[in-house]
Amino acid sequence: MIEKKDITGIILAGGKSSRMGTDKGLLLLNDKAFVQYSIDALKKLVSEIIIVSDNPNYDAFGLKRINDITKNAGPVAGICSGLEATSTEYNLILSCDIPLITSDLLKKLIESIDDTSEVIQIESNGKTMPLIALYKKQCKDKFYDFLKNDERRLRIAVKAFKSKNIVLEKENEMFTMNVNTQNELKAVEDAYNR
């Protein structure tokens, strides 16, 4: 298995959160910021964690924070920025709005590393999750090309890579719930307290 020293964790916390009306990574679940759940899930598995965000409030978490290389360009820019800043070949990339995420689930991505896949992503509820995924550093150049060509859709970008999906069992799907609205926040709170 790939060693911890060869993997960096990259948390994307640069979204506008227009539907939520507030910075999602700093929302609280059980008195703990969303982004802290991502940090906790990653820290057992990686040598370093980088937060991609222009918001200096994330400095409170004591981790390396970098700004997006292209402003307001969504996760394509966030991933490109993170891959630019990493020094490891393998990179676990997470959005900051999946507070139920676990180390065990992320370990499935690491255990699935092979010689050919450039992107290994979770598939949950029949949907691929490019923001719960492992990316090789070499993906950076293509992401940069997408930005130059004004392609902002992450699903389109991921199709350009050799990718592999790790399909979750039904009982693990709740761990990938992400929060974009107040209703989804309520659903996550209910699942957390179950």
C-alpha atoms as a PDB file:
ATOM      1  CA  MET A   1       0.000   0.000   0.000  1.00  0.00           C
ATOM      2  CA  ILE A   2       1.093   3.584  -0.679  1.00  0.00           C
ATOM      3  CA  GLU A   3       2.641   5.188   2.387  1.00  0.00           C
ATOM      4  CA  LYS A   4       1.371   8.242   4.217  1.00  0.00           C
ATOM      5  CA  LYS A   5       4.459  10.251   3.224  1.00  0.00           C
ATOM      6  CA  ASP A   6       3.444   9.907  -0.447  1.00  0.00           C
ATOM      7  CA  ILE A   7      -0.042  11.374   0.013  1.00  0.00           C
ATOM      8  CA  THR A   8      -1.227  14.941   0.612  1.00  0.00           C
ATOM      9  CA  GLY A   9      -4.733  15.918   1.675  1.00  0.00           C
ATOM     10  CA  ILE A  10      -6.258  18.867  -0.147  1.00  0.00           C
ATOM     11  CA  ILE A  11      -9.466  20.431   1.161  1.00  0.00           C
ATOM     12  CA  LEU A  12     -11.372  22.713  -1.176  1.00  0.00           C
ATOM     13  CA  ALA A  13     -12.983  25.486   0.861  1.00  0.00           C
ATOM     14  CA  GLY A  14     -13.135  28.255  -1.698  1.00  0.00           C
ATOM     15  CA  GLY A  15     -16.730  27.964  -2.847  1.00  0.00           C
ATOM     16  CA  LYS A  16     -19.109  30.903  -2.849  1.00  0.00           C
ATOM     17  CA  SER A  17     -21.778  28.867  -1.028  1.00  0.00           C
ATOM     18  CA  SER A  18     -24.458  30.950  -2.734  1.00  0.00           C
ATOM     19  CA  ARG A  19     -27.257  28.528  -1.819  1.00  0.00           C
ATOM     20  CA  MET A  20     -26.189  28.351   1.822  1.00  0.00           C
ATOM     21  CA  GLY A  21     -25.487  32.053   2.187  1.00  0.00           C
ATOM     22  CA  THR A  22     -22.385  31.449   4.320  1.00  0.00           C
ATOM     23  CA  ASP A  23     -18.946  29.810   4.061  1.00  0.00           C
ATOM     24  CA  LYS A  24     -19.823  26.112   4.312  1.00  0.00           C
ATOM     25  CA  GLY A  25     -16.509  24.908   5.691  1.00  0.00           C
ATOM     26  CA  LEU A  26     -17.045  27.075   8.758  1.00  0.00           C
ATOM     27  CA  LEU A  27     -20.594  25.836   9.436  1.00  0.00           C
ATOM     28  CA  LEU A  28     -20.864  23.909  12.689  1.00  0.00           C
ATOM     29  CA  LEU A  29     -22.130  20.382  13.279  1.00  0.00           C
ATOM     30  CA  ASN A  30     -22.084  19.422  16.949  1.00  0.00           C
ATOM     31  CA  ASP A  31     -19.935  22.487  17.738  1.00  0.00           C
ATOM     32  CA  LYS A  32     -17.266  21.439  15.237  1.00  0.00           C
ATOM     33  CA  ALA A  33     -16.603  23.222  11.919  1.00  0.00           C
ATOM     34  CA  PHE A  34     -17.382  21.211   8.783  1.00  0.00           C
ATOM     35  CA  VAL A  35     -13.803  21.601   7.586  1.00  0.00           C
ATOM     36  CA  GLN A  36     -12.535  20.038  10.819  1.00  0.00           C
ATOM     37  CA  TYR A  37     -14.368  16.796   9.936  1.00  0.00           C
ATOM     38  CA  SER A  38     -12.480  16.701   6.623  1.00  0.00           C
ATOM     39  CA  ILE A  39      -9.208  17.398   8.458  1.00  0.00           C
ATOM     40  CA  ASP A  40      -9.900  14.626  10.990  1.00  0.00           C
ATOM     41  CA  ALA A  41     -10.730  12.092   8.249  1.00  0.00           C
ATOM     42  CA  LEU A  42      -7.570  12.960   6.300  1.00  0.00           C
ATOM     43  CA  LYS A  43      -4.948  13.329   9.005  1.00  0.00           C
ATOM     44  CA  LYS A  44      -4.427   9.599   9.666  1.00  0.00           C
ATOM     45  CA  LEU A  45      -3.785   9.007   5.962  1.00  0.00           C
ATOM     46  CA  VAL A  46      -1.660  11.897   4.683  1.00  0.00           C
ATOM     47  CA  SER A  47       1.667  13.616   5.369  1.00  0.00           C
ATOM     48  CA  GLU A  48       0.318  17.164   4.938  1.00  0.00           C
ATOM     49  CA  ILE A  49      -3.046  18.887   4.586  1.00  0.00           C
ATOM     50  CA  ILE A  50      -3.510  21.961   2.393  1.00  0.00           C
ATOM     51  CA  ILE A  51      -6.644  24.108   2.480  1.00  0.00           C
ATOM     52  CA  VAL A  52      -7.495  25.889  -0.769  1.00  0.00           C
ATOM     53  CA  SER A  53      -9.374  29.054   0.170  1.00  0.00           C
ATOM     54  CA  ASP A  54      -9.010  32.819  -0.142  1.00  0.00           C
ATOM     55  CA  ASN A  55     -10.666  33.177   3.284  1.00  0.00           C
ATOM     56  CA  PRO A  56      -8.061  33.909   6.002  1.00  0.00           C
ATOM     57  CA  ASN A  57     -10.474  32.561   8.667  1.00  0.00           C
ATOM     58  CA  TYR A  58      -9.191  29.098   7.706  1.00  0.00           C
ATOM     59  CA  ASP A  59      -5.771  30.014   9.101  1.00  0.00           C
ATOM     60  CA  ALA A  60      -7.268  29.271  12.542  1.00  0.00           C
ATOM     61  CA  PHE A  61      -6.929  25.545  11.760  1.00  0.00           C
ATOM     62  CA  GLY A  62      -3.138  25.818  11.729  1.00  0.00           C
ATOM     63  CA  LEU A  63      -2.655  24.231   8.304  1.00  0.00           C
ATOM     64  CA  LYS A  64      -1.072  25.460   5.090  1.00  0.00           C
ATOM     65  CA  ARG A  65      -3.627  27.591   3.242  1.00  0.00           C
ATOM     66  CA  ILE A  66      -3.265  28.633  -0.384  1.00  0.00           C
ATOM     67  CA  ASN A  67      -5.350  30.935  -2.558  1.00  0.00           C
ATOM     68  CA  ASP A  68      -7.090  29.838  -5.744  1.00  0.00           C
ATOM     69  CA  ILE A  69      -4.901  30.477  -8.789  1.00  0.00           C
ATOM     70  CA  THR A  70      -7.986  31.581 -10.725  1.00  0.00           C
ATOM     71  CA  LYS A  71     -10.696  33.444  -8.839  1.00  0.00           C
ATOM     72  CA  ASN A  72     -14.326  32.304  -8.971  1.00  0.00           C
ATOM     73  CA  ALA A  73     -13.597  29.348 -11.228  1.00  0.00           C
ATOM     74  CA  GLY A  74     -14.996  26.658  -8.945  1.00  0.00           C
ATOM     75  CA  PRO A  75     -13.505  23.271  -8.111  1.00  0.00           C
ATOM     76  CA  VAL A  76     -11.511  23.017 -11.357  1.00  0.00           C
ATOM     77  CA  ALA A  77      -9.418  25.971 -10.129  1.00  0.00           C
ATOM     78  CA  GLY A  78      -9.370  24.604  -6.584  1.00  0.00           C
ATOM     79  CA  ILE A  79      -8.016  21.224  -7.677  1.00  0.00           C
ATOM     80  CA  CYS A  80      -5.494  22.854 -10.011  1.00  0.00           C
ATOM     81  CA  SER A  81      -4.319  25.128  -7.165  1.00  0.00           C
ATOM     82  CA  GLY A  82      -4.007  22.212  -4.750  1.00  0.00           C
ATOM     83  CA  LEU A  83      -2.108  20.017  -7.213  1.00  0.00           C
ATOM     84  CA  GLU A  84       0.216  22.936  -7.961  1.00  0.00           C
ATOM     85  CA  ALA A  85       1.025  23.271  -4.245  1.00  0.00           C
ATOM     86  CA  THR A  86       1.478  19.588  -3.415  1.00  0.00           C
ATOM     87  CA  SER A  87       4.801  17.783  -3.425  1.00  0.00           C
ATOM     88  CA  THR A  88       3.401  14.236  -3.452  1.00  0.00           C
ATOM     89  CA  GLU A  89       2.321  12.095  -6.369  1.00  0.00           C
ATOM     90  CA  TYR A  90      -0.971  11.099  -4.720  1.00  0.00           C
ATOM     91  CA  ASN A  91      -3.493  13.598  -3.391  1.00  0.00           C
ATOM     92  CA  LEU A  92      -6.763  13.015  -1.587  1.00  0.00           C
ATOM     93  CA  ILE A  93      -9.085  15.845  -2.537  1.00  0.00           C
ATOM     94  CA  LEU A  94     -12.175  16.639  -0.493  1.00  0.00           C
ATOM     95  CA  SER A  95     -14.710  19.418  -0.522  1.00  0.00           C
ATOM     96  CA  CYS A  96     -15.282  21.021   2.863  1.00  0.00           C
ATOM     97  CA  ASP A  97     -19.023  20.284   2.969  1.00  0.00           C
ATOM     98  CA  ILE A  98     -19.115  16.534   3.709  1.00  0.00           C
ATOM     99  CA  PRO A  99     -18.958  16.393   7.508  1.00  0.00           C
ATOM    100  CA  LEU A 100     -19.810  12.693   7.817  1.00  0.00           C
ATOM    101  CA  ILE A 101     -16.748  11.613   5.789  1.00  0.00           C
ATOM    102  CA  THR A 102     -14.545   8.961   7.439  1.00  0.00           C
ATOM    103  CA  SER A 103     -10.925   7.826   7.204  1.00  0.00           C
ATOM    104  CA  ASP A 104     -12.128   4.302   6.378  1.00  0.00           C
ATOM    105  CA  LEU A 105     -13.983   5.541   3.329  1.00  0.00           C
ATOM    106  CA  LEU A 106     -10.956   7.530   2.133  1.00  0.00           C
ATOM    107  CA  LYS A 107      -8.758   4.481   2.695  1.00  0.00           C
ATOM    108  CA  LYS A 108     -10.773   2.691  -0.012  1.00  0.00           C
ATOM    109  CA  LEU A 109      -9.408   5.247  -2.506  1.00  0.00           C
ATOM    110  CA  ILE A 110      -5.810   4.626  -1.429  1.00  0.00           C
ATOM    111  CA  GLU A 111      -6.261   0.845  -1.548  1.00  0.00           C
ATOM    112  CA  SER A 112      -7.516   1.191  -5.121  1.00  0.00           C
ATOM    113  CA  ILE A 113      -4.389   2.901  -6.470  1.00  0.00           C
ATOM    114  CA  ASP A 114      -3.082   1.128  -9.565  1.00  0.00           C
ATOM    115  CA  ASP A 115      -0.583   1.847 -12.327  1.00  0.00           C
ATOM    116  CA  THR A 116      -3.014   3.413 -14.778  1.00  0.00           C
ATOM    117  CA  SER A 117      -5.707   5.421 -12.946  1.00  0.00           C
ATOM    118  CA  GLU A 118      -5.071   9.159 -12.708  1.00  0.00           C
ATOM    119  CA  VAL A 119      -8.291   9.840 -10.792  1.00  0.00           C
ATOM    120  CA  ILE A 120      -9.980   7.435  -8.385  1.00  0.00           C
ATOM    121  CA  GLN A 121     -13.345   8.714  -7.194  1.00  0.00           C
ATOM    122  CA  ILE A 122     -16.113   7.538  -4.921  1.00  0.00           C
ATOM    123  CA  GLU A 123     -19.440   6.616  -6.497  1.00  0.00           C
ATOM    124  CA  SER A 124     -22.349   6.992  -4.099  1.00  0.00           C
ATOM    125  CA  ASN A 125     -26.078   6.780  -4.774  1.00  0.00           C
ATOM    126  CA  GLY A 126     -25.330   6.166  -8.453  1.00  0.00           C
ATOM    127  CA  LYS A 127     -23.365   9.439  -8.744  1.00  0.00           C
ATOM    128  CA  THR A 128     -19.632   9.920  -9.121  1.00  0.00           C
ATOM    129  CA  MET A 129     -18.036  12.164  -6.510  1.00  0.00           C
ATOM    130  CA  PRO A 130     -15.033  13.958  -8.013  1.00  0.00           C
ATOM    131  CA  LEU A 131     -14.704  15.908  -4.745  1.00  0.00           C
ATOM    132  CA  ILE A 132     -14.141  12.735  -2.731  1.00  0.00           C
ATOM    133  CA  ALA A 133     -11.323  11.450  -4.865  1.00  0.00           C
ATOM    134  CA  LEU A 134      -7.659  10.710  -5.250  1.00  0.00           C
ATOM    135  CA  TYR A 135      -5.796  12.636  -7.962  1.00  0.00           C
ATOM    136  CA  LYS A 136      -2.274  12.135  -9.224  1.00  0.00           C
ATOM    137  CA  LYS A 137      -0.155  15.280  -9.288  1.00  0.00           C
ATOM    138  CA  GLN A 138       0.287  14.882 -13.061  1.00  0.00           C
ATOM    139  CA  CYS A 139      -3.395  15.860 -13.529  1.00  0.00           C
ATOM    140  CA  LYS A 140      -2.427  19.468 -12.787  1.00  0.00           C
ATOM    141  CA  ASP A 141      -1.418  20.315 -16.370  1.00  0.00           C
ATOM    142  CA  LYS A 142      -4.735  19.229 -17.897  1.00  0.00           C
ATOM    143  CA  PHE A 143      -6.640  21.093 -15.182  1.00  0.00           C
ATOM    144  CA  TYR A 144      -4.598  24.158 -16.025  1.00  0.00           C
ATOM    145  CA  ASP A 145      -5.549  23.750 -19.710  1.00  0.00           C
ATOM    146  CA  PHE A 146      -9.230  23.531 -18.763  1.00  0.00           C
ATOM    147  CA  LEU A 147      -8.925  26.800 -16.836  1.00  0.00           C
ATOM    148  CA  LYS A 148      -7.173  28.486 -19.749  1.00  0.00           C
ATOM    149  CA  ASN A 149     -10.013  27.365 -22.009  1.00  0.00           C
ATOM    150  CA  ASP A 150     -12.619  28.590 -19.527  1.00  0.00           C
ATOM    151  CA  GLU A 151     -13.966  25.078 -18.823  1.00  0.00           C
ATOM    152  CA  ARG A 152     -15.378  25.201 -15.293  1.00  0.00           C
ATOM    153  CA  ARG A 153     -17.360  21.943 -15.196  1.00  0.00           C
ATOM    154  CA  LEU A 154     -15.527  19.426 -13.063  1.00  0.00           C
ATOM    155  CA  ARG A 155     -17.378  16.397 -14.467  1.00  0.00           C
ATOM    156  CA  ILE A 156     -16.249  17.358 -17.983  1.00  0.00           C
ATOM    157  CA  ALA A 157     -12.672  17.784 -16.735  1.00  0.00           C
ATOM    158  CA  VAL A 158     -12.572  14.415 -14.971  1.00  0.00           C
ATOM    159  CA  LYS A 159     -13.656  12.672 -18.204  1.00  0.00           C
ATOM    160  CA  ALA A 160     -10.290  13.685 -19.689  1.00  0.00           C
ATOM    161  CA  PHE A 161      -8.429  11.401 -17.263  1.00  0.00           C
ATOM    162  CA  LYS A 162      -8.086   7.668 -16.838  1.00  0.00           C
ATOM    163  CA  SER A 163     -10.434   7.293 -13.926  1.00  0.00           C
ATOM    164  CA  LYS A 164     -11.818   4.551 -11.745  1.00  0.00           C
ATOM    165  CA  ASN A 165     -14.940   4.603  -9.575  1.00  0.00           C
ATOM    166  CA  ILE A 166     -15.173   2.987  -6.154  1.00  0.00           C
ATOM    167  CA  VAL A 167     -18.831   2.112  -5.652  1.00  0.00           C
ATOM    168  CA  LEU A 168     -20.002   2.393  -2.059  1.00  0.00           C
ATOM    169  CA  GLU A 169     -22.292  -0.101  -0.403  1.00  0.00           C
ATOM    170  CA  LYS A 170     -25.739   1.305   0.438  1.00  0.00           C
ATOM    171  CA  GLU A 171     -24.971   1.544   4.175  1.00  0.00           C
ATOM    172  CA  ASN A 172     -21.940   3.779   3.510  1.00  0.00           C
ATOM    173  CA  GLU A 173     -23.687   6.280   1.237  1.00  0.00           C
ATOM    174  CA  MET A 174     -24.659   8.549   4.146  1.00  0.00           C
ATOM    175  CA  PHE A 175     -20.950   9.338   4.732  1.00  0.00           C
ATOM    176  CA  THR A 176     -20.827  11.224   1.425  1.00  0.00           C
ATOM    177  CA  MET A 177     -23.803  13.532   2.095  1.00  0.00           C
ATOM    178  CA  ASN A 178     -22.826  17.059   1.205  1.00  0.00           C
ATOM    179  CA  VAL A 179     -24.520  20.227   2.342  1.00  0.00           C
ATOM    180  CA  ASN A 180     -25.623  22.986  -0.011  1.00  0.00           C
ATOM    181  CA  THR A 181     -28.909  24.059   1.579  1.00  0.00           C
ATOM    182  CA  GLN A 182     -30.500  24.399   5.017  1.00  0.00           C
ATOM    183  CA  ASN A 183     -32.575  21.259   4.314  1.00  0.00           C
ATOM    184  CA  GLU A 184     -29.436  19.246   3.562  1.00  0.00           C
ATOM    185  CA  LEU A 185     -27.865  20.593   6.750  1.00  0.00           C
ATOM    186  CA  LYS A 186     -30.862  19.293   8.684  1.00  0.00           C
ATOM    187  CA  ALA A 187     -30.539  15.882   6.973  1.00  0.00           C
ATOM    188  CA  VAL A 188     -26.852  15.667   7.910  1.00  0.00           C
ATOM    189  CA  GLU A 189     -27.611  16.672  11.506  1.00  0.00           C
ATOM    190  CA  ASP A 190     -30.252  13.920  11.683  1.00  0.00           C
ATOM    191  CA  ALA A 191     -27.845  11.341  10.223  1.00  0.00           C
ATOM    192  CA  TYR A 192     -25.070  12.428  12.585  1.00  0.00           C
ATOM    193  CA  ASN A 193     -27.264  12.071  15.638  1.00  0.00           C
ATOM    194  CA  ARG A 194     -28.668   8.704  14.581  1.00  0.00           C
END
